[in-house]
Amino acid sequence: MADRAVGQQITFLDTRDLARTADFYERILGLRLARDQGTCRIYHVSGTAYVGFCLRADTPTEPQGVVFTLVTDQVDDWCAHLRRWGVEFVKEPSDNPPYRIYNAFVRDPNGYVIEIQRFWEPLV
């Protein structure tokens, strides 16, 4: 399996407004810009995980089916921070017993749903 090892993971999402997206992910979420490719910006999320946003004029105005999840032990702290910035909450933080998580959902400027989540037990 070593010859097929994965060294990094990047999820790319489309945006109609790269400047507004950059402001949100850099200033509000505090993600570090790892690479500016002009029409695409890639942000370091954690470890070897990244998220990239690429400018696309034909991006749907209300994207569906995408949830970008940030896993943290500080769900309530994150929610307080996002609330101070006026970020739209889709779901307030609460326990979600079927999935054994504590989570909240907010919306980014593109309409993508961001989940702030804590597992009840660590992943294995």
PDB file of N, CA and C in Angstrom:
ATOM      1  N   MET A   1       0.816  -1.196   0.000  1.00  0.00           N
ATOM      2  CA  MET A   1       0.000   0.000   0.000  1.00  0.00           C
ATOM      3  C   MET A   1       0.859   1.259   0.000  1.00  0.00           C
ATOM      4  N   ALA A   2       2.098   1.175   0.436  1.00  0.00           N
ATOM      5  CA  ALA A   2       2.951   2.355   0.521  1.00  0.00           C
ATOM      6  C   ALA A   2       3.112   3.047  -0.824  1.00  0.00           C
ATOM      7  N   ASP A   3       3.126   2.299  -1.922  1.00  0.00           N
ATOM      8  CA  ASP A   3       3.299   2.924  -3.226  1.00  0.00           C
ATOM      9  C   ASP A   3       2.037   3.659  -3.684  1.00  0.00           C
ATOM     10  N   ARG A   4       0.940   3.474  -2.984  1.00  0.00           N
ATOM     11  CA  ARG A   4      -0.294   4.187  -3.308  1.00  0.00           C
ATOM     12  C   ARG A   4      -0.709   5.114  -2.158  1.00  0.00           C
ATOM     13  N   ALA A   5       0.221   5.496  -1.337  1.00  0.00           N
ATOM     14  CA  ALA A   5      -0.077   6.337  -0.175  1.00  0.00           C
ATOM     15  C   ALA A   5      -0.595   7.707  -0.622  1.00  0.00           C
ATOM     16  N   VAL A   6      -1.473   8.267   0.169  1.00  0.00           N
ATOM     17  CA  VAL A   6      -1.999   9.606  -0.073  1.00  0.00           C
ATOM     18  C   VAL A   6      -1.305  10.552   0.899  1.00  0.00           C
ATOM     19  N   GLY A   7      -0.649  11.574   0.379  1.00  0.00           N
ATOM     20  CA  GLY A   7       0.102  12.495   1.223  1.00  0.00           C
ATOM     21  C   GLY A   7      -0.690  13.691   1.708  1.00  0.00           C
ATOM     22  N   GLN A   8      -1.684  14.100   0.924  1.00  0.00           N
ATOM     23  CA  GLN A   8      -2.508  15.250   1.283  1.00  0.00           C
ATOM     24  C   GLN A   8      -3.910  15.040   0.737  1.00  0.00           C
ATOM     25  N   GLN A   9      -4.845  15.835   1.242  1.00  0.00           N
ATOM     26  CA  GLN A   9      -6.223  15.793   0.759  1.00  0.00           C
ATOM     27  C   GLN A   9      -6.682  17.225   0.533  1.00  0.00           C
ATOM     28  N   ILE A  10      -7.242  17.502  -0.656  1.00  0.00           N
ATOM     29  CA  ILE A  10      -7.790  18.821  -0.964  1.00  0.00           C
ATOM     30  C   ILE A  10      -9.202  18.636  -1.496  1.00  0.00           C
ATOM     31  N   THR A  11     -10.135  19.366  -0.945  1.00  0.00           N
ATOM     32  CA  THR A  11     -11.489  19.427  -1.477  1.00  0.00           C
ATOM     33  C   THR A  11     -11.633  20.770  -2.172  1.00  0.00           C
ATOM     34  N   PHE A  12     -12.026  20.754  -3.448  1.00  0.00           N
ATOM     35  CA  PHE A  12     -12.221  21.995  -4.195  1.00  0.00           C
ATOM     36  C   PHE A  12     -13.702  22.300  -4.321  1.00  0.00           C
ATOM     37  N   LEU A  13     -14.044  23.556  -4.081  1.00  0.00           N
ATOM     38  CA  LEU A  13     -15.415  24.042  -4.213  1.00  0.00           C
ATOM     39  C   LEU A  13     -15.406  25.276  -5.112  1.00  0.00           C
ATOM     40  N   ASP A  14     -16.493  25.487  -5.824  1.00  0.00           N
ATOM     41  CA  ASP A  14     -16.602  26.637  -6.721  1.00  0.00           C
ATOM     42  C   ASP A  14     -17.155  27.848  -5.981  1.00  0.00           C
ATOM     43  N   THR A  15     -16.810  29.039  -6.483  1.00  0.00           N
ATOM     44  CA  THR A  15     -17.336  30.287  -5.934  1.00  0.00           C
ATOM     45  C   THR A  15     -17.538  31.290  -7.055  1.00  0.00           C
ATOM     46  N   ARG A  16     -18.523  32.147  -6.893  1.00  0.00           N
ATOM     47  CA  ARG A  16     -18.737  33.269  -7.816  1.00  0.00           C
ATOM     48  C   ARG A  16     -17.969  34.506  -7.346  1.00  0.00           C
ATOM     49  N   ASP A  17     -17.586  34.539  -6.060  1.00  0.00           N
ATOM     50  CA  ASP A  17     -16.947  35.717  -5.473  1.00  0.00           C
ATOM     51  C   ASP A  17     -15.734  35.280  -4.654  1.00  0.00           C
ATOM     52  N   LEU A  18     -14.590  35.206  -5.312  1.00  0.00           N
ATOM     53  CA  LEU A  18     -13.375  34.708  -4.659  1.00  0.00           C
ATOM     54  C   LEU A  18     -12.894  35.660  -3.562  1.00  0.00           C
ATOM     55  N   ALA A  19     -13.034  36.963  -3.766  1.00  0.00           N
ATOM     56  CA  ALA A  19     -12.574  37.926  -2.757  1.00  0.00           C
ATOM     57  C   ALA A  19     -13.382  37.793  -1.465  1.00  0.00           C
ATOM     58  N   ARG A  20     -14.687  37.697  -1.582  1.00  0.00           N
ATOM     59  CA  ARG A  20     -15.543  37.546  -0.390  1.00  0.00           C
ATOM     60  C   ARG A  20     -15.278  36.211   0.298  1.00  0.00           C
ATOM     61  N   THR A  21     -15.083  35.169  -0.498  1.00  0.00           N
ATOM     62  CA  THR A  21     -14.770  33.847   0.044  1.00  0.00           C
ATOM     63  C   THR A  21     -13.439  33.884   0.786  1.00  0.00           C
ATOM     64  N   ALA A  22     -12.429  34.517   0.178  1.00  0.00           N
ATOM     65  CA  ALA A  22     -11.109  34.628   0.804  1.00  0.00           C
ATOM     66  C   ALA A  22     -11.206  35.363   2.135  1.00  0.00           C
ATOM     67  N   ASP A  23     -11.962  36.442   2.170  1.00  0.00           N
ATOM     68  CA  ASP A  23     -12.128  37.204   3.406  1.00  0.00           C
ATOM     69  C   ASP A  23     -12.729  36.327   4.501  1.00  0.00           C
ATOM     70  N   PHE A  24     -13.759  35.562   4.174  1.00  0.00           N
ATOM     71  CA  PHE A  24     -14.418  34.704   5.157  1.00  0.00           C
ATOM     72  C   PHE A  24     -13.474  33.626   5.677  1.00  0.00           C
ATOM     73  N   TYR A  25     -12.822  32.905   4.779  1.00  0.00           N
ATOM     74  CA  TYR A  25     -11.994  31.775   5.206  1.00  0.00           C
ATOM     75  C   TYR A  25     -10.691  32.224   5.859  1.00  0.00           C
ATOM     76  N   GLU A  26     -10.158  33.371   5.468  1.00  0.00           N
ATOM     77  CA  GLU A  26      -8.923  33.863   6.080  1.00  0.00           C
ATOM     78  C   GLU A  26      -9.203  34.643   7.361  1.00  0.00           C
ATOM     79  N   ARG A  27     -10.068  35.639   7.281  1.00  0.00           N
ATOM     80  CA  ARG A  27     -10.268  36.540   8.420  1.00  0.00           C
ATOM     81  C   ARG A  27     -11.200  35.950   9.470  1.00  0.00           C
ATOM     82  N   ILE A  28     -12.302  35.350   9.051  1.00  0.00           N
ATOM     83  CA  ILE A  28     -13.282  34.869  10.024  1.00  0.00           C
ATOM     84  C   ILE A  28     -12.932  33.469  10.528  1.00  0.00           C
ATOM     85  N   LEU A  29     -12.662  32.527   9.605  1.00  0.00           N
ATOM     86  CA  LEU A  29     -12.293  31.174  10.052  1.00  0.00           C
ATOM     87  C   LEU A  29     -10.831  31.080  10.463  1.00  0.00           C
ATOM     88  N   GLY A  30      -9.991  31.996   9.986  1.00  0.00           N
ATOM     89  CA  GLY A  30      -8.583  31.997  10.368  1.00  0.00           C
ATOM     90  C   GLY A  30      -7.745  30.940   9.671  1.00  0.00           C
ATOM     91  N   LEU A  31      -8.208  30.453   8.515  1.00  0.00           N
ATOM     92  CA  LEU A  31      -7.420  29.454   7.789  1.00  0.00           C
ATOM     93  C   LEU A  31      -6.259  30.133   7.075  1.00  0.00           C
ATOM     94  N   ARG A  32      -5.135  29.438   7.023  1.00  0.00           N
ATOM     95  CA  ARG A  32      -3.930  29.964   6.375  1.00  0.00           C
ATOM     96  C   ARG A  32      -3.994  29.701   4.878  1.00  0.00           C
ATOM     97  N   LEU A  33      -3.720  30.737   4.089  1.00  0.00           N
ATOM     98  CA  LEU A  33      -3.646  30.581   2.641  1.00  0.00           C
ATOM     99  C   LEU A  33      -2.389  29.788   2.306  1.00  0.00           C
ATOM    100  N   ALA A  34      -2.566  28.620   1.720  1.00  0.00           N
ATOM    101  CA  ALA A  34      -1.432  27.757   1.379  1.00  0.00           C
ATOM    102  C   ALA A  34      -0.939  28.018  -0.041  1.00  0.00           C
ATOM    103  N   ARG A  35      -1.856  28.387  -0.929  1.00  0.00           N
ATOM    104  CA  ARG A  35      -1.467  28.635  -2.318  1.00  0.00           C
ATOM    105  C   ARG A  35      -2.491  29.538  -2.980  1.00  0.00           C
ATOM    106  N   ASP A  36      -1.994  30.616  -3.593  1.00  0.00           N
ATOM    107  CA  ASP A  36      -2.847  31.501  -4.387  1.00  0.00           C
ATOM    108  C   ASP A  36      -2.528  31.234  -5.846  1.00  0.00           C
ATOM    109  N   GLN A  37      -3.489  30.684  -6.571  1.00  0.00           N
ATOM    110  CA  GLN A  37      -3.296  30.355  -7.980  1.00  0.00           C
ATOM    111  C   GLN A  37      -4.018  31.352  -8.888  1.00  0.00           C
ATOM    112  N   GLY A  38      -4.320  32.511  -8.356  1.00  0.00           N
ATOM    113  CA  GLY A  38      -5.029  33.513  -9.146  1.00  0.00           C
ATOM    114  C   GLY A  38      -6.532  33.314  -9.064  1.00  0.00           C
ATOM    115  N   THR A  39      -7.057  32.397  -9.849  1.00  0.00           N
ATOM    116  CA  THR A  39      -8.501  32.140  -9.833  1.00  0.00           C
ATOM    117  C   THR A  39      -8.878  31.031  -8.858  1.00  0.00           C
ATOM    118  N   CYS A  40      -7.897  30.446  -8.188  1.00  0.00           N
ATOM    119  CA  CYS A  40      -8.143  29.445  -7.137  1.00  0.00           C
ATOM    120  C   CYS A  40      -7.275  29.792  -5.927  1.00  0.00           C
ATOM    121  N   ARG A  41      -7.834  29.600  -4.750  1.00  0.00           N
ATOM    122  CA  ARG A  41      -7.083  29.795  -3.509  1.00  0.00           C
ATOM    123  C   ARG A  41      -7.239  28.534  -2.674  1.00  0.00           C
ATOM    124  N   ILE A  42      -6.117  28.017  -2.169  1.00  0.00           N
ATOM    125  CA  ILE A  42      -6.115  26.784  -1.383  1.00  0.00           C
ATOM    126  C   ILE A  42      -5.739  27.132   0.053  1.00  0.00           C
ATOM    127  N   TYR A  43      -6.561  26.644   1.005  1.00  0.00           N
ATOM    128  CA  TYR A  43      -6.367  26.937   2.421  1.00  0.00           C
ATOM    129  C   TYR A  43      -6.008  25.681   3.192  1.00  0.00           C
ATOM    130  N   HIS A  44      -5.082  25.839   4.133  1.00  0.00           N
ATOM    131  CA  HIS A  44      -4.702  24.751   5.029  1.00  0.00           C
ATOM    132  C   HIS A  44      -5.758  24.651   6.118  1.00  0.00           C
ATOM    133  N   VAL A  45      -6.341  23.470   6.273  1.00  0.00           N
ATOM    134  CA  VAL A  45      -7.376  23.256   7.284  1.00  0.00           C
ATOM    135  C   VAL A  45      -6.764  22.650   8.538  1.00  0.00           C
ATOM    136  N   SER A  46      -6.047  21.513   8.365  1.00  0.00           N
ATOM    137  CA  SER A  46      -5.468  20.805   9.503  1.00  0.00           C
ATOM    138  C   SER A  46      -4.578  19.696   8.974  1.00  0.00           C
ATOM    139  N   GLY A  47      -3.447  19.474   9.617  1.00  0.00           N
ATOM    140  CA  GLY A  47      -2.578  18.369   9.198  1.00  0.00           C
ATOM    141  C   GLY A  47      -2.277  18.434   7.715  1.00  0.00           C
ATOM    142  N   THR A  48      -2.748  17.453   6.968  1.00  0.00           N
ATOM    143  CA  THR A  48      -2.535  17.433   5.520  1.00  0.00           C
ATOM    144  C   THR A  48      -3.848  17.635   4.765  1.00  0.00           C
ATOM    145  N   ALA A  49      -4.822  18.269   5.412  1.00  0.00           N
ATOM    146  CA  ALA A  49      -6.126  18.524   4.788  1.00  0.00           C
ATOM    147  C   ALA A  49      -6.230  19.984   4.350  1.00  0.00           C
ATOM    148  N   TYR A  50      -6.751  20.186   3.147  1.00  0.00           N
ATOM    149  CA  TYR A  50      -6.878  21.515   2.557  1.00  0.00           C
ATOM    150  C   TYR A  50      -8.255  21.670   1.924  1.00  0.00           C
ATOM    151  N   VAL A  51      -8.670  22.925   1.764  1.00  0.00           N
ATOM    152  CA  VAL A  51      -9.872  23.221   0.990  1.00  0.00           C
ATOM    153  C   VAL A  51      -9.496  24.323   0.006  1.00  0.00           C
ATOM    154  N   GLY A  52      -9.952  24.162  -1.221  1.00  0.00           N
ATOM    155  CA  GLY A  52      -9.665  25.141  -2.258  1.00  0.00           C
ATOM    156  C   GLY A  52     -10.947  25.716  -2.828  1.00  0.00           C
ATOM    157  N   PHE A  53     -10.892  26.982  -3.209  1.00  0.00           N
ATOM    158  CA  PHE A  53     -12.032  27.641  -3.845  1.00  0.00           C
ATOM    159  C   PHE A  53     -11.578  28.196  -5.180  1.00  0.00           C
ATOM    160  N   CYS A  54     -12.345  27.887  -6.223  1.00  0.00           N
ATOM    161  CA  CYS A  54     -12.021  28.329  -7.573  1.00  0.00           C
ATOM    162  C   CYS A  54     -13.154  29.182  -8.123  1.00  0.00           C
ATOM    163  N   LEU A  55     -12.778  30.276  -8.766  1.00  0.00           N
ATOM    164  CA  LEU A  55     -13.732  31.203  -9.348  1.00  0.00           C
ATOM    165  C   LEU A  55     -14.398  30.566 -10.558  1.00  0.00           C
ATOM    166  N   ARG A  56     -15.719  30.483 -10.522  1.00  0.00           N
ATOM    167  CA  ARG A  56     -16.502  29.922 -11.622  1.00  0.00           C
ATOM    168  C   ARG A  56     -17.769  30.761 -11.759  1.00  0.00           C
ATOM    169  N   ALA A  57     -17.961  31.383 -12.899  1.00  0.00           N
ATOM    170  CA  ALA A  57     -19.121  32.251 -13.119  1.00  0.00           C
ATOM    171  C   ALA A  57     -20.435  31.488 -13.090  1.00  0.00           C
ATOM    172  N   ASP A  58     -20.404  30.200 -13.439  1.00  0.00           N
ATOM    173  CA  ASP A  58     -21.647  29.428 -13.525  1.00  0.00           C
ATOM    174  C   ASP A  58     -21.944  28.618 -12.268  1.00  0.00           C
ATOM    175  N   THR A  59     -21.304  28.964 -11.159  1.00  0.00           N
ATOM    176  CA  THR A  59     -21.555  28.277  -9.889  1.00  0.00           C
ATOM    177  C   THR A  59     -22.994  28.519  -9.451  1.00  0.00           C
ATOM    178  N   PRO A  60     -23.711  27.480  -9.003  1.00  0.00           N
ATOM    179  CA  PRO A  60     -25.079  27.700  -8.510  1.00  0.00           C
ATOM    180  C   PRO A  60     -25.087  28.706  -7.360  1.00  0.00           C
ATOM    181  N   THR A  61     -26.106  29.553  -7.331  1.00  0.00           N
ATOM    182  CA  THR A  61     -26.173  30.565  -6.274  1.00  0.00           C
ATOM    183  C   THR A  61     -26.514  29.954  -4.926  1.00  0.00           C
ATOM    184  N   GLU A  62     -27.155  28.796  -4.920  1.00  0.00           N
ATOM    185  CA  GLU A  62     -27.459  28.098  -3.672  1.00  0.00           C
ATOM    186  C   GLU A  62     -26.984  26.655  -3.784  1.00  0.00           C
ATOM    187  N   PRO A  63     -25.687  26.419  -3.503  1.00  0.00           N
ATOM    188  CA  PRO A  63     -25.159  25.058  -3.646  1.00  0.00           C
ATOM    189  C   PRO A  63     -25.862  24.081  -2.711  1.00  0.00           C
ATOM    190  N   GLN A  64     -26.035  22.873  -3.177  1.00  0.00           N
ATOM    191  CA  GLN A  64     -26.724  21.850  -2.395  1.00  0.00           C
ATOM    192  C   GLN A  64     -25.842  20.622  -2.275  1.00  0.00           C
ATOM    193  N   GLY A  65     -25.990  19.909  -1.172  1.00  0.00           N
ATOM    194  CA  GLY A  65     -25.322  18.626  -1.024  1.00  0.00           C
ATOM    195  C   GLY A  65     -23.882  18.682  -0.563  1.00  0.00           C
ATOM    196  N   VAL A  66     -23.393  19.865  -0.195  1.00  0.00           N
ATOM    197  CA  VAL A  66     -22.011  19.988   0.273  1.00  0.00           C
ATOM    198  C   VAL A  66     -22.030  20.397   1.737  1.00  0.00           C
ATOM    199  N   VAL A  67     -21.318  19.643   2.563  1.00  0.00           N
ATOM    200  CA  VAL A  67     -21.123  20.016   3.966  1.00  0.00           C
ATOM    201  C   VAL A  67     -19.625  19.955   4.234  1.00  0.00           C
ATOM    202  N   PHE A  68     -19.050  21.082   4.610  1.00  0.00           N
ATOM    203  CA  PHE A  68     -17.636  21.186   4.947  1.00  0.00           C
ATOM    204  C   PHE A  68     -17.551  21.129   6.467  1.00  0.00           C
ATOM    205  N   THR A  69     -16.989  20.049   7.020  1.00  0.00           N
ATOM    206  CA  THR A  69     -16.998  19.817   8.465  1.00  0.00           C
ATOM    207  C   THR A  69     -15.638  20.107   9.084  1.00  0.00           C
ATOM    208  N   LEU A  70     -15.654  20.912  10.132  1.00  0.00           N
ATOM    209  CA  LEU A  70     -14.470  21.166  10.946  1.00  0.00           C
ATOM    210  C   LEU A  70     -14.677  20.439  12.268  1.00  0.00           C
ATOM    211  N   VAL A  71     -13.786  19.528  12.597  1.00  0.00           N
ATOM    212  CA  VAL A  71     -13.892  18.746  13.830  1.00  0.00           C
ATOM    213  C   VAL A  71     -13.013  19.405  14.886  1.00  0.00           C
ATOM    214  N   THR A  72     -13.614  19.714  16.038  1.00  0.00           N
ATOM    215  CA  THR A  72     -12.918  20.417  17.104  1.00  0.00           C
ATOM    216  C   THR A  72     -13.558  20.083  18.449  1.00  0.00           C
ATOM    217  N   ASP A  73     -12.776  20.185  19.507  1.00  0.00           N
ATOM    218  CA  ASP A  73     -13.332  20.036  20.851  1.00  0.00           C
ATOM    219  C   ASP A  73     -13.989  21.332  21.322  1.00  0.00           C
ATOM    220  N   GLN A  74     -13.751  22.429  20.625  1.00  0.00           N
ATOM    221  CA  GLN A  74     -14.244  23.748  21.036  1.00  0.00           C
ATOM    222  C   GLN A  74     -15.436  24.213  20.193  1.00  0.00           C
ATOM    223  N   VAL A  75     -16.446  23.394  20.064  1.00  0.00           N
ATOM    224  CA  VAL A  75     -17.619  23.749  19.253  1.00  0.00           C
ATOM    225  C   VAL A  75     -18.250  25.050  19.745  1.00  0.00           C
ATOM    226  N   ASP A  76     -18.476  25.165  21.046  1.00  0.00           N
ATOM    227  CA  ASP A  76     -19.135  26.364  21.576  1.00  0.00           C
ATOM    228  C   ASP A  76     -18.281  27.616  21.389  1.00  0.00           C
ATOM    229  N   ASP A  77     -16.968  27.500  21.547  1.00  0.00           N
ATOM    230  CA  ASP A  77     -16.080  28.645  21.323  1.00  0.00           C
ATOM    231  C   ASP A  77     -16.135  29.090  19.866  1.00  0.00           C
ATOM    232  N   TRP A  78     -16.087  28.121  18.944  1.00  0.00           N
ATOM    233  CA  TRP A  78     -16.199  28.432  17.518  1.00  0.00           C
ATOM    234  C   TRP A  78     -17.519  29.126  17.229  1.00  0.00           C
ATOM    235  N   CYS A  79     -18.603  28.619  17.798  1.00  0.00           N
ATOM    236  CA  CYS A  79     -19.923  29.202  17.544  1.00  0.00           C
ATOM    237  C   CYS A  79     -20.002  30.633  18.069  1.00  0.00           C
ATOM    238  N   ALA A  80     -19.446  30.881  19.243  1.00  0.00           N
ATOM    239  CA  ALA A  80     -19.433  32.243  19.786  1.00  0.00           C
ATOM    240  C   ALA A  80     -18.638  33.167  18.866  1.00  0.00           C
ATOM    241  N   HIS A  81     -17.500  32.704  18.378  1.00  0.00           N
ATOM    242  CA  HIS A  81     -16.669  33.483  17.456  1.00  0.00           C
ATOM    243  C   HIS A  81     -17.442  33.804  16.178  1.00  0.00           C
ATOM    244  N   LEU A  82     -18.072  32.798  15.593  1.00  0.00           N
ATOM    245  CA  LEU A  82     -18.812  32.996  14.339  1.00  0.00           C
ATOM    246  C   LEU A  82     -20.019  33.906  14.551  1.00  0.00           C
ATOM    247  N   ARG A  83     -20.663  33.798  15.697  1.00  0.00           N
ATOM    248  CA  ARG A  83     -21.805  34.656  16.008  1.00  0.00           C
ATOM    249  C   ARG A  83     -21.360  36.122  16.091  1.00  0.00           C
ATOM    250  N   ARG A  84     -20.176  36.371  16.690  1.00  0.00           N
ATOM    251  CA  ARG A  84     -19.652  37.748  16.777  1.00  0.00           C
ATOM    252  C   ARG A  84     -19.439  38.353  15.391  1.00  0.00           C
ATOM    253  N   TRP A  85     -19.116  37.514  14.413  1.00  0.00           N
ATOM    254  CA  TRP A  85     -18.909  37.983  13.043  1.00  0.00           C
ATOM    255  C   TRP A  85     -20.220  38.052  12.255  1.00  0.00           C
ATOM    256  N   GLY A  86     -21.324  37.693  12.874  1.00  0.00           N
ATOM    257  CA  GLY A  86     -22.613  37.764  12.194  1.00  0.00           C
ATOM    258  C   GLY A  86     -22.851  36.659  11.186  1.00  0.00           C
ATOM    259  N   VAL A  87     -22.152  35.541  11.353  1.00  0.00           N
ATOM    260  CA  VAL A  87     -22.311  34.409  10.436  1.00  0.00           C
ATOM    261  C   VAL A  87     -23.691  33.781  10.649  1.00  0.00           C
ATOM    262  N   GLU A  88     -24.345  33.430   9.548  1.00  0.00           N
ATOM    263  CA  GLU A  88     -25.685  32.836   9.604  1.00  0.00           C
ATOM    264  C   GLU A  88     -25.632  31.415  10.153  1.00  0.00           C
ATOM    265  N   PHE A  89     -26.421  31.150  11.189  1.00  0.00           N
ATOM    266  CA  PHE A  89     -26.527  29.804  11.754  1.00  0.00           C
ATOM    267  C   PHE A  89     -27.701  29.075  11.122  1.00  0.00           C
ATOM    268  N   VAL A  90     -27.448  27.861  10.674  1.00  0.00           N
ATOM    269  CA  VAL A  90     -28.491  26.992  10.140  1.00  0.00           C
ATOM    270  C   VAL A  90     -29.041  26.130  11.272  1.00  0.00           C
ATOM    271  N   LYS A  91     -28.151  25.727  12.192  1.00  0.00           N
ATOM    272  CA  LYS A  91     -28.525  24.899  13.348  1.00  0.00           C
ATOM    273  C   LYS A  91     -27.635  25.301  14.517  1.00  0.00           C
ATOM    274  N   GLU A  92     -28.253  25.634  15.623  1.00  0.00           N
ATOM    275  CA  GLU A  92     -27.509  25.980  16.834  1.00  0.00           C
ATOM    276  C   GLU A  92     -26.824  24.726  17.384  1.00  0.00           C
ATOM    277  N   PRO A  93     -25.745  24.889  18.165  1.00  0.00           N
ATOM    278  CA  PRO A  93     -25.045  23.722  18.698  1.00  0.00           C
ATOM    279  C   PRO A  93     -25.936  22.882  19.611  1.00  0.00           C
ATOM    280  N   SER A  94     -25.895  21.586  19.385  1.00  0.00           N
ATOM    281  CA  SER A  94     -26.664  20.652  20.220  1.00  0.00           C
ATOM    282  C   SER A  94     -26.143  19.241  19.991  1.00  0.00           C
ATOM    283  N   ASP A  95     -26.519  18.354  20.909  1.00  0.00           N
ATOM    284  CA  ASP A  95     -26.173  16.945  20.748  1.00  0.00           C
ATOM    285  C   ASP A  95     -26.996  16.347  19.611  1.00  0.00           C
ATOM    286  N   ASN A  96     -26.383  15.408  18.906  1.00  0.00           N
ATOM    287  CA  ASN A  96     -27.041  14.686  17.821  1.00  0.00           C
ATOM    288  C   ASN A  96     -26.840  13.194  18.101  1.00  0.00           C
ATOM    289  N   PRO A  97     -27.685  12.606  18.972  1.00  0.00           N
ATOM    290  CA  PRO A  97     -27.479  11.232  19.436  1.00  0.00           C
ATOM    291  C   PRO A  97     -27.345  10.166  18.348  1.00  0.00           C
ATOM    292  N   PRO A  98     -28.108  10.213  17.241  1.00  0.00           N
ATOM    293  CA  PRO A  98     -27.941   9.146  16.247  1.00  0.00           C
ATOM    294  C   PRO A  98     -26.508   9.045  15.710  1.00  0.00           C
ATOM    295  N   TYR A  99     -25.824  10.194  15.623  1.00  0.00           N
ATOM    296  CA  TYR A  99     -24.451  10.196  15.102  1.00  0.00           C
ATOM    297  C   TYR A  99     -23.406  10.290  16.208  1.00  0.00           C
ATOM    298  N   ARG A 100     -23.859  10.420  17.449  1.00  0.00           N
ATOM    299  CA  ARG A 100     -22.972  10.509  18.608  1.00  0.00           C
ATOM    300  C   ARG A 100     -21.988  11.681  18.457  1.00  0.00           C
ATOM    301  N   ILE A 101     -22.570  12.839  18.128  1.00  0.00           N
ATOM    302  CA  ILE A 101     -21.779  14.055  17.953  1.00  0.00           C
ATOM    303  C   ILE A 101     -22.489  15.227  18.616  1.00  0.00           C
ATOM    304  N   TYR A 102     -21.729  16.294  18.834  1.00  0.00           N
ATOM    305  CA  TYR A 102     -22.247  17.599  19.236  1.00  0.00           C
ATOM    306  C   TYR A 102     -21.880  18.519  18.088  1.00  0.00           C
ATOM    307  N   ASN A 103     -22.868  19.216  17.499  1.00  0.00           N
ATOM    308  CA  ASN A 103     -22.540  19.976  16.302  1.00  0.00           C
ATOM    309  C   ASN A 103     -23.439  21.181  16.103  1.00  0.00           C
ATOM    310  N   ALA A 104     -22.988  22.041  15.190  1.00  0.00           N
ATOM    311  CA  ALA A 104     -23.747  23.201  14.732  1.00  0.00           C
ATOM    312  C   ALA A 104     -23.493  23.337  13.238  1.00  0.00           C
ATOM    313  N   PHE A 105     -24.394  24.028  12.561  1.00  0.00           N
ATOM    314  CA  PHE A 105     -24.226  24.301  11.134  1.00  0.00           C
ATOM    315  C   PHE A 105     -24.330  25.803  10.901  1.00  0.00           C
ATOM    316  N   VAL A 106     -23.410  26.328  10.085  1.00  0.00           N
ATOM    317  CA  VAL A 106     -23.449  27.727   9.655  1.00  0.00           C
ATOM    318  C   VAL A 106     -23.332  27.752   8.133  1.00  0.00           C
ATOM    319  N   ARG A 107     -23.514  28.951   7.557  1.00  0.00           N
ATOM    320  CA  ARG A 107     -23.409  29.097   6.109  1.00  0.00           C
ATOM    321  C   ARG A 107     -22.276  30.061   5.772  1.00  0.00           C
ATOM    322  N   ASP A 108     -21.479  29.702   4.767  1.00  0.00           N
ATOM    323  CA  ASP A 108     -20.429  30.604   4.306  1.00  0.00           C
ATOM    324  C   ASP A 108     -21.031  31.566   3.275  1.00  0.00           C
ATOM    325  N   PRO A 109     -20.250  32.536   2.767  1.00  0.00           N
ATOM    326  CA  PRO A 109     -20.803  33.520   1.829  1.00  0.00           C
ATOM    327  C   PRO A 109     -21.302  32.914   0.514  1.00  0.00           C
ATOM    328  N   ASN A 110     -20.857  31.716   0.180  1.00  0.00           N
ATOM    329  CA  ASN A 110     -21.290  31.052  -1.050  1.00  0.00           C
ATOM    330  C   ASN A 110     -22.575  30.258  -0.866  1.00  0.00           C
ATOM    331  N   GLY A 111     -23.001  30.104   0.378  1.00  0.00           N
ATOM    332  CA  GLY A 111     -24.165  29.278   0.667  1.00  0.00           C
ATOM    333  C   GLY A 111     -23.804  27.867   1.084  1.00  0.00           C
ATOM    334  N   TYR A 112     -22.496  27.536   1.084  1.00  0.00           N
ATOM    335  CA  TYR A 112     -22.075  26.208   1.528  1.00  0.00           C
ATOM    336  C   TYR A 112     -22.317  26.072   3.029  1.00  0.00           C
ATOM    337  N   VAL A 113     -22.705  24.882   3.445  1.00  0.00           N
ATOM    338  CA  VAL A 113     -22.920  24.609   4.864  1.00  0.00           C
ATOM    339  C   VAL A 113     -21.595  24.184   5.490  1.00  0.00           C
ATOM    340  N   ILE A 114     -21.251  24.816   6.607  1.00  0.00           N
ATOM    341  CA  ILE A 114     -20.071  24.445   7.383  1.00  0.00           C
ATOM    342  C   ILE A 114     -20.575  23.850   8.690  1.00  0.00           C
ATOM    343  N   GLU A 115     -20.114  22.652   8.988  1.00  0.00           N
ATOM    344  CA  GLU A 115     -20.468  21.995  10.239  1.00  0.00           C
ATOM    345  C   GLU A 115     -19.299  22.131  11.202  1.00  0.00           C
ATOM    346  N   ILE A 116     -19.593  22.558  12.413  1.00  0.00           N
ATOM    347  CA  ILE A 116     -18.606  22.587  13.491  1.00  0.00           C
ATOM    348  C   ILE A 116     -19.005  21.426  14.398  1.00  0.00           C
ATOM    349  N   GLN A 117     -18.112  20.448  14.555  1.00  0.00           N
ATOM    350  CA  GLN A 117     -18.519  19.176  15.161  1.00  0.00           C
ATOM    351  C   GLN A 117     -17.494  18.634  16.147  1.00  0.00           C
ATOM    352  N   ARG A 118     -18.024  17.990  17.182  1.00  0.00           N
ATOM    353  CA  ARG A 118     -17.195  17.229  18.123  1.00  0.00           C
ATOM    354  C   ARG A 118     -17.789  15.829  18.219  1.00  0.00           C
ATOM    355  N   PHE A 119     -16.942  14.821  18.035  1.00  0.00           N
ATOM    356  CA  PHE A 119     -17.382  13.438  18.223  1.00  0.00           C
ATOM    357  C   PHE A 119     -17.485  13.146  19.712  1.00  0.00           C
ATOM    358  N   TRP A 120     -18.454  12.344  20.102  1.00  0.00           N
ATOM    359  CA  TRP A 120     -18.557  11.935  21.501  1.00  0.00           C
ATOM    360  C   TRP A 120     -17.371  11.061  21.889  1.00  0.00           C
ATOM    361  N   GLU A 121     -16.912  10.254  20.960  1.00  0.00           N
ATOM    362  CA  GLU A 121     -15.714   9.435  21.178  1.00  0.00           C
ATOM    363  C   GLU A 121     -14.757   9.720  20.020  1.00  0.00           C
ATOM    364  N   PRO A 122     -13.450   9.626  20.267  1.00  0.00           N
ATOM    365  CA  PRO A 122     -12.488   9.862  19.188  1.00  0.00           C
ATOM    366  C   PRO A 122     -12.661   8.852  18.051  1.00  0.00           C
ATOM    367  N   LEU A 123     -12.334   9.310  16.842  1.00  0.00           N
ATOM    368  CA  LEU A 123     -12.303   8.386  15.709  1.00  0.00           C
ATOM    369  C   LEU A 123     -11.142   7.426  15.881  1.00  0.00           C
ATOM    370  N   VAL A 124     -11.261   6.251  15.301  1.00  0.00           N
ATOM    371  CA  VAL A 124     -10.164   5.278  15.379  1.00  0.00           C
ATOM    372  C   VAL A 124      -9.451   5.182  14.056  1.00  0.00           C
TER     373      VAL A 124
END
